[in-house]
Amino acid sequence: IDSENRLWIGTSNGVCYIQGDSLYTCSIPENRNTSIRDIFQDSQNNLWICTSTGGAYKYKNSEIEIYDKSNGLTSNWITYINEDRDGAIWIGTNRFGFEKLTSDSVTQYAYTDAEEFSSACFFPDNDAVWICEFRNGFLKYRDGKFYRFHFSPSKMESVYKIVKSGNTIWLADYESGLYKLKNNKLTFYETNSGAEQLAVYDILLDHNSNLWAGTLFSGIFRIDNPMFEIFNLNNSVSPYMCEGFVYDNDSSLWVLPNGDNLLKINRKIENIHSVSEYSSGYFWDAVFTTSNQLWATWIGMGIFTIQDNNYVFHKFNENNYFYDLQLVGDSLMYASSLDLGLIKYDFKDFYVLNTDCGLSTNNIEFLFLSNSNELWISAVNNGINILKDNKIAKLSTANGLNSNSVSFIMQDTYSRIWVATENGINLIFDNKIYEITTANGLISDKTKSVLQYSDSIFWIATDKGLSKIEFSDTQNFKIINFDANFGKYLNTF
C-alpha cells in the first residue's frame, strides 16, 4: 500500500493497483519482462518494480526508468529492493549478489566463498543494513563494512525475511525455521518451544504489535513472547470444518468445530473436555452468561453446559437437533430447533414453545434479538415470528415480506431491521417495508447476509458475489457489485 493508499499487486503478467472501488493496470515498457517479484515505494514516493528477467522499473511522475545490466546491475533478475536511512537503494539479485544504488553510483557486492549470491531481502536498521541471502546466512552492513552471520556450520541457511520488534530481530529461515536475535544471542525455535520444523517464508509485524509468520507447509502462526499459536490442520480443527467462533467474558476465543473437540484459544490452544464416548462434536452455537458460564448446542446431542469440568447435556427428543442460542438479559435463554420449535430456559426449567403456542412452524433456524428485546425468529419457509412479552406476531408475504424464505436478520445503528431472503433485501423501519433487489442494482436477489461497515455503507452477500450499498440519506443509495471477476467471492459474513 503506497502513500496514496493504493493497493499495488504484482502478478506474472504485470502490475496493477486498486484505488477506491476501481482496478487500474500499469503499462510495462514494450518488450520488457512482466513477471513481477516485488514492489517497493521509497522515501521520495518513487515506486520500484522488481521483475524476474527485466531488471527493475522505477516509476516517477508517470515516467519509467529502467535499471538492468546495461546500466550497472549484475543481473536482470531482481529479488528485492529496499532503502537505507541515507536514501541509498539496495537491490538484490538472483545468483549474483546485490547492489547499492545512490544518486551518482552503483556499487556491486558479491562473495567468492559461495556458489550463489541470491539476496532474499534487505532490512534497514538505524545505522546498519541487514542483508538476507539464499543458502549463505545473513550479513550486517555498517560504516562500509560487512559482518557475516551463520547459524551453524551444518545448516544451509536461507533467510527470506527480517523483522525488528523492539530490540529483537526475527529471522525467517526457509531451510530450518525461525530464529530470534536479541542482545547478540541467537535463539532457534524448535517444537518444544511451540514451533515445529518450519519452512518460514515471511514475517509480519501488525498494527497491534503481533508478530505473524507464514510457512510453506505448516500454516500461519502468531509469535507471542515467545509463545506460538499455530492455526492449521494439526490443531484438531480443520479451517474447512469450523462452524463458528465466540468470545467469552474473559476475551478468550472459543472455536466451534464441526467434527472435533471444542477449542479454547487464549494464550494457548486447549482441547476442551473431550468426551470419550463420542468420537466427535458437531457444535453449532455458543453463548456465555454474565457469570461466564458456557452454554452451547451440539447437533444430535441437544443443549449442554460445562459444570465441574464435565459436559451436562439436556435432551428433548430422539433427534435433539438444535441450532441458535439467544440470551435475553440474565434471566432467559432461547434455543432454536429442527422439529421442536423454540426452547425457553429461565435457568431453572425448560419450556417448549411450538405451533400449539402460536409459532408458524416447529422448524426454527436462527434467532435475532432486537434493541427493544424483541426476539425475531426465522420460521423455515414461513417468514418471521416476533416474540415479545409472551406474545407472537407474524411477518410473511401475507403482510409485506418479499419472501417467506429468510436467511438473515440484523439491525443497523439507525434501528432499521434488515431481512435477507431469496428475493432480495427487506428494510424495515417506521412501520414500513422497503425492498432492495436486482431492480435497484443488487448483484443477485438470493441474499445470504448483511454487514454494516460504517454509518452509510453496507455489504450484502449473495449467491453471485457481494453488493456494496452506500446511502446518501435514509432512502437514497448507490450500489457497486463485486463478482467472481474480483477473485473468490463470499456468500456470508
Protein backbone atom coordinates (compact mmCIF):
# COMPACT_ATOMS: atom_id res chain seq x y z
CA ILE A 1 0.00 0.00 0.00
CA ASP A 2 1.58 3.28 -1.09
CA SER A 3 1.42 6.80 0.38
CA GLU A 4 -1.80 7.48 -1.55
CA ASN A 5 -3.49 4.40 -0.01
CA ARG A 6 -3.39 2.48 -3.28
CA LEU A 7 -3.00 -1.29 -3.04
CA TRP A 8 -0.40 -2.45 -5.59
CA ILE A 9 -0.46 -6.03 -6.87
CA GLY A 10 2.33 -7.73 -8.79
CA THR A 11 1.48 -10.72 -10.99
CA SER A 12 3.12 -12.89 -13.62
CA ASN A 13 1.54 -10.64 -16.27
CA GLY A 14 2.38 -7.20 -14.94
CA VAL A 15 1.32 -4.81 -12.20
CA CYS A 16 -1.96 -3.19 -11.22
CA TYR A 17 -3.37 -1.23 -8.31
CA ILE A 18 -6.71 -0.75 -6.56
CA GLN A 19 -7.85 2.73 -5.60
CA GLY A 20 -11.29 3.13 -4.11
CA ASP A 21 -13.57 0.71 -5.90
CA SER A 22 -11.61 0.65 -9.18
CA LEU A 23 -8.82 -1.54 -10.54
CA TYR A 24 -6.13 0.03 -12.76
CA THR A 25 -3.35 -1.61 -14.76
CA CYS A 26 0.05 -0.04 -15.37
CA SER A 27 1.91 -0.15 -18.63
CA ILE A 28 5.21 -2.04 -18.81
CA PRO A 29 7.91 -0.91 -21.27
CA GLU A 30 7.48 -2.64 -24.61
CA ASN A 31 9.27 -5.99 -24.97
CA ARG A 32 10.19 -5.95 -21.28
CA ASN A 33 9.52 -8.73 -18.74
CA THR A 34 6.14 -8.53 -16.99
CA SER A 35 6.68 -11.14 -14.23
CA ILE A 36 6.68 -9.06 -11.02
CA ARG A 37 8.69 -10.24 -8.00
CA ASP A 38 8.31 -7.34 -5.57
CA ILE A 39 7.04 -3.73 -5.29
CA PHE A 40 8.59 -1.03 -3.09
CA GLN A 41 7.97 2.71 -2.53
CA ASP A 42 10.96 4.81 -1.44
CA SER A 43 11.04 7.96 0.70
CA GLN A 44 10.68 10.15 -2.42
CA ASN A 45 7.43 8.33 -3.33
CA ASN A 46 9.09 6.62 -6.29
CA LEU A 47 7.66 3.18 -6.97
CA TRP A 48 10.14 0.39 -7.72
CA ILE A 49 9.03 -2.77 -9.58
CA CYS A 50 11.21 -5.91 -9.41
CA THR A 51 10.96 -8.36 -12.33
CA SER A 52 12.33 -11.84 -12.89
CA THR A 53 14.32 -11.11 -16.08
CA GLY A 54 13.71 -7.47 -16.98
CA GLY A 55 15.58 -5.67 -14.20
CA ALA A 56 13.94 -3.01 -12.02
CA TYR A 57 11.48 -0.34 -13.15
CA LYS A 58 11.30 2.96 -11.30
CA TYR A 59 8.01 4.87 -11.67
CA LYS A 60 8.46 8.60 -11.08
CA ASN A 61 5.91 11.25 -12.08
CA SER A 62 4.32 8.87 -14.61
CA GLU A 63 7.72 8.22 -16.20
CA ILE A 64 9.62 4.92 -16.14
CA GLU A 65 13.36 4.48 -15.60
CA ILE A 66 14.86 1.04 -16.26
CA TYR A 67 17.73 -0.40 -14.20
CA ASP A 68 19.34 -3.54 -15.60
CA LYS A 69 22.69 -4.96 -16.71
CA SER A 70 23.03 -2.24 -19.34
CA ASN A 71 23.44 0.45 -16.68
CA GLY A 72 25.36 -1.28 -13.92
CA LEU A 73 23.35 -4.10 -12.34
CA THR A 74 24.93 -7.56 -12.17
CA SER A 75 21.67 -9.34 -13.11
CA ASN A 76 18.26 -8.61 -14.61
CA TRP A 77 16.57 -10.98 -12.14
CA ILE A 78 15.68 -8.70 -9.20
CA THR A 79 14.53 -10.34 -5.98
CA TYR A 80 14.12 -7.45 -3.54
CA ILE A 81 14.50 -3.66 -3.13
CA ASN A 82 14.71 -1.51 -0.01
CA GLU A 83 16.11 1.87 1.12
CA ASP A 84 18.51 2.73 3.94
CA ARG A 85 18.34 5.81 6.17
CA ASP A 86 20.68 7.74 3.85
CA GLY A 87 18.37 7.26 0.87
CA ALA A 88 20.51 4.66 -0.90
CA ILE A 89 18.56 1.96 -2.74
CA TRP A 90 19.64 -1.65 -2.14
CA ILE A 91 18.82 -4.08 -4.95
CA GLY A 92 19.04 -7.86 -4.52
CA THR A 93 19.53 -10.18 -7.49
CA ASN A 94 19.26 -13.88 -8.16
CA ARG A 95 22.69 -15.64 -8.11
CA PHE A 96 24.85 -12.50 -8.50
CA GLY A 97 24.75 -10.77 -5.11
CA PHE A 98 23.38 -7.27 -4.63
CA GLU A 99 23.93 -3.60 -5.45
CA LYS A 100 23.83 -0.32 -3.59
CA LEU A 101 22.40 2.44 -5.76
CA THR A 102 22.97 6.12 -4.96
CA SER A 103 22.27 9.23 -7.00
CA ASP A 104 25.67 9.02 -8.73
CA SER A 105 26.94 5.45 -8.49
CA VAL A 106 26.16 1.73 -8.48
CA THR A 107 28.28 -0.42 -6.13
CA GLN A 108 28.26 -4.18 -6.66
CA TYR A 109 28.73 -6.74 -3.89
CA ALA A 110 29.40 -10.47 -4.29
CA TYR A 111 31.39 -13.12 -2.40
CA THR A 112 33.81 -15.67 -3.75
CA ASP A 113 33.17 -18.12 -0.91
CA ALA A 114 29.66 -19.02 -2.07
CA GLU A 115 28.36 -20.68 -5.20
CA GLU A 116 25.25 -18.48 -5.29
CA PHE A 117 24.58 -14.95 -4.09
CA SER A 118 20.80 -14.74 -4.30
CA SER A 119 19.70 -11.90 -2.00
CA ALA A 120 16.27 -12.51 -0.44
CA CYS A 121 15.69 -9.19 1.36
CA PHE A 122 17.23 -6.09 2.96
CA PHE A 123 16.27 -4.56 6.26
CA PRO A 124 17.47 -1.03 7.23
CA ASP A 125 18.13 -0.81 10.97
CA ASN A 126 19.29 2.54 12.38
CA ASP A 127 22.91 2.89 11.17
CA ALA A 128 23.06 -0.58 9.57
CA VAL A 129 21.52 -2.68 6.82
CA TRP A 130 20.72 -6.36 7.30
CA ILE A 131 21.05 -8.49 4.16
CA CYS A 132 19.48 -11.95 3.79
CA GLU A 133 20.96 -14.43 1.34
CA PHE A 134 19.90 -17.75 -0.11
CA ARG A 135 21.87 -20.62 1.48
CA ASN A 136 24.56 -18.26 2.70
CA GLY A 137 23.36 -16.93 6.06
CA PHE A 138 22.92 -13.20 6.51
CA LEU A 139 25.01 -10.04 6.67
CA LYS A 140 25.10 -6.79 8.59
CA TYR A 141 26.46 -3.75 6.76
CA ARG A 142 27.71 -0.81 8.85
CA ASP A 143 30.13 2.02 8.11
CA GLY A 144 31.27 0.48 4.84
CA LYS A 145 31.99 -2.95 6.35
CA PHE A 146 30.20 -6.29 6.20
CA TYR A 147 29.77 -8.71 9.10
CA ARG A 148 28.63 -12.25 8.22
CA PHE A 149 26.46 -14.43 10.48
CA HIS A 150 25.89 -18.17 10.26
CA PHE A 151 23.51 -20.16 12.45
CA SER A 152 25.65 -23.29 12.49
CA PRO A 153 28.31 -24.91 10.28
CA SER A 154 25.96 -27.81 9.43
CA LYS A 155 22.99 -25.73 8.23
CA MET A 156 22.31 -24.24 4.79
CA GLU A 157 20.67 -21.02 5.95
CA SER A 158 18.25 -19.25 3.60
CA VAL A 159 16.88 -16.20 5.38
CA TYR A 160 13.90 -14.81 3.45
CA LYS A 161 12.73 -12.05 5.78
CA ILE A 162 13.96 -9.96 8.72
CA VAL A 163 11.64 -8.05 11.07
CA LYS A 164 12.56 -5.95 14.09
CA SER A 165 10.26 -5.78 17.13
CA GLY A 166 11.67 -3.50 19.82
CA ASN A 167 15.25 -4.59 20.35
CA THR A 168 14.62 -8.07 18.94
CA ILE A 169 15.46 -9.20 15.39
CA TRP A 170 13.37 -12.07 13.98
CA LEU A 171 14.67 -14.05 11.02
CA ALA A 172 12.55 -16.30 8.77
CA ASP A 173 14.71 -19.17 7.56
CA TYR A 174 13.32 -21.29 4.73
CA GLU A 175 15.72 -24.16 5.42
CA SER A 176 15.17 -24.68 9.14
CA GLY A 177 12.62 -22.41 10.81
CA LEU A 178 12.53 -19.27 12.91
CA TYR A 179 15.35 -17.51 14.77
CA LYS A 180 15.44 -14.66 17.27
CA LEU A 181 18.46 -12.37 17.68
CA LYS A 182 18.48 -10.35 20.90
CA ASN A 183 21.41 -8.91 22.85
CA ASN A 184 23.80 -10.70 20.45
CA LYS A 185 22.22 -14.05 21.37
CA LEU A 186 20.70 -16.19 18.62
CA THR A 187 17.79 -18.48 19.62
CA PHE A 188 16.30 -21.17 17.37
CA TYR A 189 12.66 -22.08 17.98
CA GLU A 190 12.00 -25.79 17.86
CA THR A 191 9.00 -27.99 18.63
CA ASN A 192 9.50 -27.80 22.38
CA SER A 193 9.12 -24.00 22.27
CA GLY A 194 5.97 -24.18 20.18
CA ALA A 195 7.29 -24.08 16.62
CA GLU A 196 7.70 -27.18 14.51
CA GLN A 197 10.35 -27.66 11.86
CA LEU A 198 9.04 -24.89 9.63
CA ALA A 199 9.88 -23.52 6.21
CA VAL A 200 9.24 -19.87 7.13
CA TYR A 201 8.81 -17.59 4.13
CA ASP A 202 7.57 -14.33 5.60
CA ILE A 203 7.09 -12.43 8.87
CA LEU A 204 4.72 -9.52 9.52
CA LEU A 205 4.51 -7.13 12.47
CA ASP A 206 0.90 -5.90 12.53
CA HIS A 207 -0.52 -2.63 13.88
CA ASN A 208 -1.22 -4.25 17.25
CA SER A 209 2.43 -5.39 17.58
CA ASN A 210 1.51 -9.02 16.94
CA LEU A 211 4.17 -10.91 15.02
CA TRP A 212 2.85 -13.33 12.38
CA ALA A 213 4.81 -15.87 10.36
CA GLY A 214 3.80 -17.60 7.14
CA THR A 215 5.20 -21.01 6.25
CA LEU A 216 5.32 -23.22 3.18
CA PHE A 217 3.60 -26.33 4.57
CA SER A 218 2.57 -25.66 8.18
CA GLY A 219 0.07 -22.83 8.05
CA ILE A 220 0.25 -19.46 9.79
CA PHE A 221 1.31 -18.86 13.36
CA ARG A 222 1.49 -15.98 15.81
CA ILE A 223 4.53 -15.29 17.99
CA ASP A 224 3.74 -14.07 21.49
CA ASN A 225 6.56 -13.67 24.00
CA PRO A 226 7.63 -16.24 22.67
CA MET A 227 4.52 -18.47 22.65
CA PHE A 228 3.34 -19.85 19.32
CA GLU A 229 -0.25 -20.35 18.27
CA ILE A 230 -0.35 -22.33 15.02
CA PHE A 231 -3.57 -22.27 13.04
CA ASN A 232 -3.65 -25.26 10.70
CA LEU A 233 -4.99 -28.78 10.33
CA ASN A 234 -2.78 -30.14 13.13
CA ASN A 235 -4.65 -28.22 15.85
CA SER A 236 -7.53 -30.74 15.82
CA VAL A 237 -9.75 -28.35 13.91
CA SER A 238 -9.87 -28.01 10.15
CA PRO A 239 -10.46 -24.48 8.83
CA TYR A 240 -12.86 -26.08 6.35
CA MET A 241 -14.97 -27.63 9.13
CA CYS A 242 -15.37 -24.79 11.63
CA GLU A 243 -18.97 -23.80 12.37
CA GLY A 244 -18.24 -20.57 14.25
CA PHE A 245 -16.38 -18.55 16.86
CA VAL A 246 -17.49 -16.86 20.07
CA TYR A 247 -15.68 -14.76 22.69
CA ASP A 248 -16.27 -15.31 26.39
CA ASN A 249 -16.29 -12.58 29.02
CA ASP A 250 -12.54 -13.00 29.60
CA SER A 251 -11.82 -12.34 25.88
CA SER A 252 -10.83 -15.93 25.20
CA LEU A 253 -11.82 -17.14 21.73
CA TRP A 254 -13.80 -20.38 21.56
CA VAL A 255 -13.84 -22.35 18.29
CA LEU A 256 -16.91 -24.43 17.42
CA PRO A 257 -15.66 -27.23 15.15
CA ASN A 258 -17.88 -29.43 13.04
CA GLY A 259 -16.43 -32.83 13.84
CA ASP A 260 -13.91 -32.44 16.67
CA ASN A 261 -13.31 -31.22 20.21
CA LEU A 262 -14.34 -27.81 21.45
CA LEU A 263 -11.34 -25.43 21.36
CA LYS A 264 -10.45 -22.51 23.59
CA ILE A 265 -7.77 -20.02 22.50
CA ASN A 266 -6.31 -17.52 24.97
CA ARG A 267 -2.56 -17.63 25.42
CA LYS A 268 -2.57 -21.23 24.26
CA ILE A 269 -4.85 -23.59 22.37
CA GLU A 270 -6.78 -26.04 24.55
CA ASN A 271 -8.84 -29.06 23.53
CA ILE A 272 -11.72 -28.60 25.94
CA HIS A 273 -13.28 -31.60 27.66
CA SER A 274 -13.03 -34.39 25.15
CA VAL A 275 -15.98 -36.76 25.67
CA SER A 276 -14.60 -40.25 25.27
CA GLU A 277 -17.90 -41.93 24.37
CA TYR A 278 -18.41 -39.60 21.42
CA SER A 279 -15.81 -39.58 18.65
CA SER A 280 -16.55 -36.02 17.53
CA GLY A 281 -18.65 -32.99 18.37
CA TYR A 282 -20.84 -31.12 15.92
CA PHE A 283 -21.19 -27.75 17.62
CA TRP A 284 -23.45 -25.06 16.19
CA ASP A 285 -23.67 -22.08 18.56
CA ALA A 286 -22.50 -20.95 21.98
CA VAL A 287 -23.21 -18.14 24.44
CA PHE A 288 -21.72 -17.05 27.75
CA THR A 289 -23.76 -15.77 30.67
CA THR A 290 -22.64 -12.77 32.74
CA SER A 291 -21.01 -15.26 35.13
CA ASN A 292 -19.04 -16.61 32.11
CA GLN A 293 -20.84 -19.96 32.05
CA LEU A 294 -20.79 -21.61 28.64
CA TRP A 295 -23.99 -22.85 27.03
CA ALA A 296 -23.83 -24.44 23.58
CA THR A 297 -25.74 -26.54 21.06
CA TRP A 298 -24.40 -29.88 19.84
CA ILE A 299 -26.27 -31.22 16.80
CA GLY A 300 -27.81 -34.57 17.72
CA MET A 301 -26.89 -34.23 21.40
CA GLY A 302 -29.05 -31.30 22.47
CA ILE A 303 -28.13 -28.29 24.61
CA PHE A 304 -25.21 -28.54 27.01
CA THR A 305 -23.20 -26.62 29.55
CA ILE A 306 -19.96 -27.36 31.40
CA GLN A 307 -20.12 -27.94 35.16
CA ASP A 308 -17.23 -29.15 37.29
CA ASN A 309 -15.20 -29.76 34.12
CA ASN A 310 -17.85 -32.10 32.71
CA TYR A 311 -20.44 -31.81 29.96
CA VAL A 312 -24.04 -31.64 31.20
CA PHE A 313 -26.49 -32.46 28.37
CA HIS A 314 -30.14 -31.53 28.15
CA LYS A 315 -32.00 -33.68 25.63
CA PHE A 316 -35.60 -33.30 24.50
CA ASN A 317 -36.42 -35.92 21.81
CA GLU A 318 -34.72 -38.56 19.68
CA ASN A 319 -33.28 -36.02 17.22
CA ASN A 320 -32.02 -33.26 19.54
CA TYR A 321 -31.16 -31.02 16.59
CA PHE A 322 -30.61 -27.54 17.99
CA TYR A 323 -29.12 -24.52 16.25
CA ASP A 324 -29.05 -20.93 17.53
CA LEU A 325 -28.88 -19.76 21.14
CA GLN A 326 -30.01 -16.31 22.26
CA LEU A 327 -29.70 -14.76 25.72
CA VAL A 328 -32.31 -12.20 26.82
CA GLY A 329 -30.79 -10.36 29.75
CA ASP A 330 -29.61 -12.51 32.65
CA SER A 331 -32.79 -14.50 33.16
CA LEU A 332 -33.80 -16.08 29.83
CA MET A 333 -32.21 -18.15 27.07
CA TYR A 334 -33.84 -19.41 23.88
CA ALA A 335 -32.74 -22.21 21.53
CA SER A 336 -33.98 -22.92 18.01
CA SER A 337 -34.57 -26.49 16.85
CA LEU A 338 -35.22 -28.57 13.76
CA ASP A 339 -38.57 -30.01 14.85
CA LEU A 340 -39.42 -28.92 18.39
CA GLY A 341 -39.97 -25.22 17.83
CA LEU A 342 -38.38 -22.94 20.40
CA ILE A 343 -36.89 -23.97 23.75
CA LYS A 344 -37.17 -21.38 26.52
CA TYR A 345 -34.97 -21.68 29.61
CA ASP A 346 -35.24 -19.46 32.71
CA PHE A 347 -32.15 -21.12 34.27
CA LYS A 348 -34.47 -23.24 36.39
CA ASP A 349 -36.75 -25.05 33.98
CA PHE A 350 -37.07 -25.67 30.24
CA TYR A 351 -40.26 -24.88 28.31
CA VAL A 352 -41.23 -25.85 24.75
CA LEU A 353 -42.86 -23.20 22.53
CA ASN A 354 -44.28 -24.70 19.33
CA THR A 355 -47.18 -24.37 16.89
CA ASP A 356 -49.60 -25.06 19.74
CA CYS A 357 -48.30 -21.84 21.32
CA GLY A 358 -48.69 -19.80 18.13
CA LEU A 359 -45.47 -20.37 16.15
CA SER A 360 -45.86 -20.71 12.37
CA THR A 361 -43.76 -23.90 12.30
CA ASN A 362 -41.73 -26.12 14.60
CA ASN A 363 -38.73 -25.86 12.25
CA ILE A 364 -36.85 -22.81 13.57
CA GLU A 365 -33.48 -21.96 12.00
CA PHE A 366 -31.99 -18.89 13.65
CA LEU A 367 -32.76 -16.20 16.22
CA PHE A 368 -32.12 -12.47 16.45
CA LEU A 369 -32.68 -10.12 19.42
CA SER A 370 -33.55 -6.51 18.55
CA ASN A 371 -32.62 -3.40 20.53
CA SER A 372 -36.11 -3.40 22.05
CA ASN A 373 -35.75 -7.02 23.25
CA GLU A 374 -37.99 -8.44 20.53
CA LEU A 375 -36.95 -11.97 19.60
CA TRP A 376 -37.06 -12.32 15.80
CA ILE A 377 -37.50 -15.98 14.86
CA SER A 378 -36.73 -17.41 11.42
CA ALA A 379 -39.61 -19.82 10.80
CA VAL A 380 -38.37 -22.00 7.92
CA ASN A 381 -40.42 -21.27 4.77
CA ASN A 382 -42.93 -19.38 6.93
CA GLY A 383 -41.38 -15.95 7.24
CA ILE A 384 -40.65 -14.45 10.65
CA ASN A 385 -42.25 -14.79 14.08
CA ILE A 386 -41.64 -11.97 16.57
CA LEU A 387 -41.83 -12.81 20.28
CA LYS A 388 -42.19 -10.15 22.99
CA ASP A 389 -43.93 -10.21 26.36
CA ASN A 390 -45.13 -13.77 25.67
CA LYS A 391 -46.98 -12.64 22.54
CA ILE A 392 -46.18 -13.73 18.98
CA ALA A 393 -46.56 -11.54 15.88
CA LYS A 394 -46.09 -12.92 12.37
CA LEU A 395 -44.42 -11.33 9.34
CA SER A 396 -44.69 -13.05 5.95
CA THR A 397 -45.61 -12.46 2.33
CA ALA A 398 -49.19 -12.07 3.52
CA ASN A 399 -48.33 -8.75 5.15
CA GLY A 400 -45.48 -7.33 3.09
CA LEU A 401 -42.36 -9.54 3.27
CA ASN A 402 -40.98 -10.30 -0.22
CA SER A 403 -40.31 -13.98 0.60
CA ASN A 404 -41.05 -16.47 3.36
CA SER A 405 -37.55 -17.97 2.95
CA VAL A 406 -35.45 -15.88 5.34
CA SER A 407 -31.67 -16.35 5.52
CA PHE A 408 -30.50 -13.50 7.78
CA ILE A 409 -31.75 -10.75 10.14
CA MET A 410 -29.79 -7.82 11.57
CA GLN A 411 -30.40 -4.33 12.98
CA ASP A 412 -28.27 -1.34 12.00
CA THR A 413 -27.20 1.69 14.03
CA TYR A 414 -30.34 3.55 12.88
CA SER A 415 -32.52 0.74 14.36
CA ARG A 416 -33.59 -0.39 10.89
CA ILE A 417 -34.16 -4.14 10.56
CA TRP A 418 -32.54 -5.84 7.56
CA VAL A 419 -34.07 -9.14 6.42
CA ALA A 420 -32.21 -11.12 3.72
CA THR A 421 -34.34 -13.51 1.65
CA GLU A 422 -34.19 -15.39 -1.64
CA ASN A 423 -36.00 -12.43 -3.27
CA GLY A 424 -33.73 -9.65 -2.06
CA ILE A 425 -33.49 -7.41 1.00
CA ASN A 426 -36.38 -6.19 3.17
CA LEU A 427 -35.51 -2.98 5.03
CA ILE A 428 -37.97 -2.37 7.85
CA PHE A 429 -38.34 0.97 9.64
CA ASP A 430 -41.10 3.48 10.51
CA ASN A 431 -43.60 0.60 10.31
CA LYS A 432 -42.92 0.17 6.58
CA ILE A 433 -41.10 -2.42 4.47
CA TYR A 434 -38.76 -1.26 1.68
CA GLU A 435 -37.23 -3.65 -0.84
CA ILE A 436 -33.70 -3.65 -2.26
CA THR A 437 -33.43 -6.09 -5.18
CA THR A 438 -31.76 -6.55 -8.54
CA ALA A 439 -34.18 -3.93 -9.80
CA ASN A 440 -32.26 -1.47 -7.60
CA GLY A 441 -28.88 -2.83 -8.68
CA LEU A 442 -28.15 -5.81 -6.39
CA ILE A 443 -25.91 -8.43 -7.99
CA SER A 444 -28.45 -11.14 -7.07
CA ASP A 445 -31.78 -11.43 -5.24
CA LYS A 446 -30.62 -14.58 -3.40
CA THR A 447 -29.19 -12.68 -0.44
CA LYS A 448 -27.37 -14.53 2.35
CA SER A 449 -26.25 -11.98 4.95
CA VAL A 450 -25.67 -8.29 5.67
CA LEU A 451 -22.70 -6.48 7.24
CA GLN A 452 -22.72 -2.82 8.33
CA TYR A 453 -19.32 -1.32 7.52
CA SER A 454 -20.00 2.31 8.54
CA ASP A 455 -22.95 4.60 9.21
CA SER A 456 -23.75 4.74 5.50
CA ILE A 457 -22.09 1.67 3.92
CA PHE A 458 -23.47 -1.89 3.97
CA TRP A 459 -22.21 -5.08 2.33
CA ILE A 460 -24.70 -7.67 1.06
CA ALA A 461 -23.51 -11.25 0.49
CA THR A 462 -25.36 -13.16 -2.24
CA ASP A 463 -25.02 -16.40 -4.19
CA LYS A 464 -23.26 -14.49 -7.00
CA GLY A 465 -20.93 -12.21 -5.06
CA LEU A 466 -21.02 -9.04 -2.98
CA SER A 467 -23.01 -5.83 -3.29
CA LYS A 468 -21.81 -2.65 -1.58
CA ILE A 469 -24.64 -0.23 -0.71
CA GLU A 470 -23.81 3.38 0.17
CA PHE A 471 -26.65 5.60 1.44
CA SER A 472 -26.78 9.36 0.86
CA ASP A 473 -29.86 9.56 3.15
CA THR A 474 -32.30 7.06 4.68
CA GLN A 475 -33.81 6.01 1.34
CA ASN A 476 -31.38 7.01 -1.44
CA PHE A 477 -28.32 4.90 -2.19
CA LYS A 478 -25.95 3.63 -4.84
CA ILE A 479 -24.79 0.04 -5.34
CA ILE A 480 -21.42 -1.31 -6.51
CA ASN A 481 -21.17 -5.03 -7.24
CA PHE A 482 -18.22 -7.42 -6.89
CA ASP A 483 -18.50 -10.79 -8.59
CA ALA A 484 -16.10 -13.68 -9.26
CA ASN A 485 -14.06 -11.48 -11.61
CA PHE A 486 -12.72 -9.77 -8.49
CA GLY A 487 -11.50 -13.10 -7.07
CA LYS A 488 -13.16 -15.66 -4.86
CA TYR A 489 -16.39 -14.21 -3.61
CA LEU A 490 -18.04 -14.58 -0.23
CA ASN A 491 -21.65 -15.56 0.39
CA THR A 492 -21.74 -14.99 4.15
CA PHE A 493 -20.21 -12.86 6.89
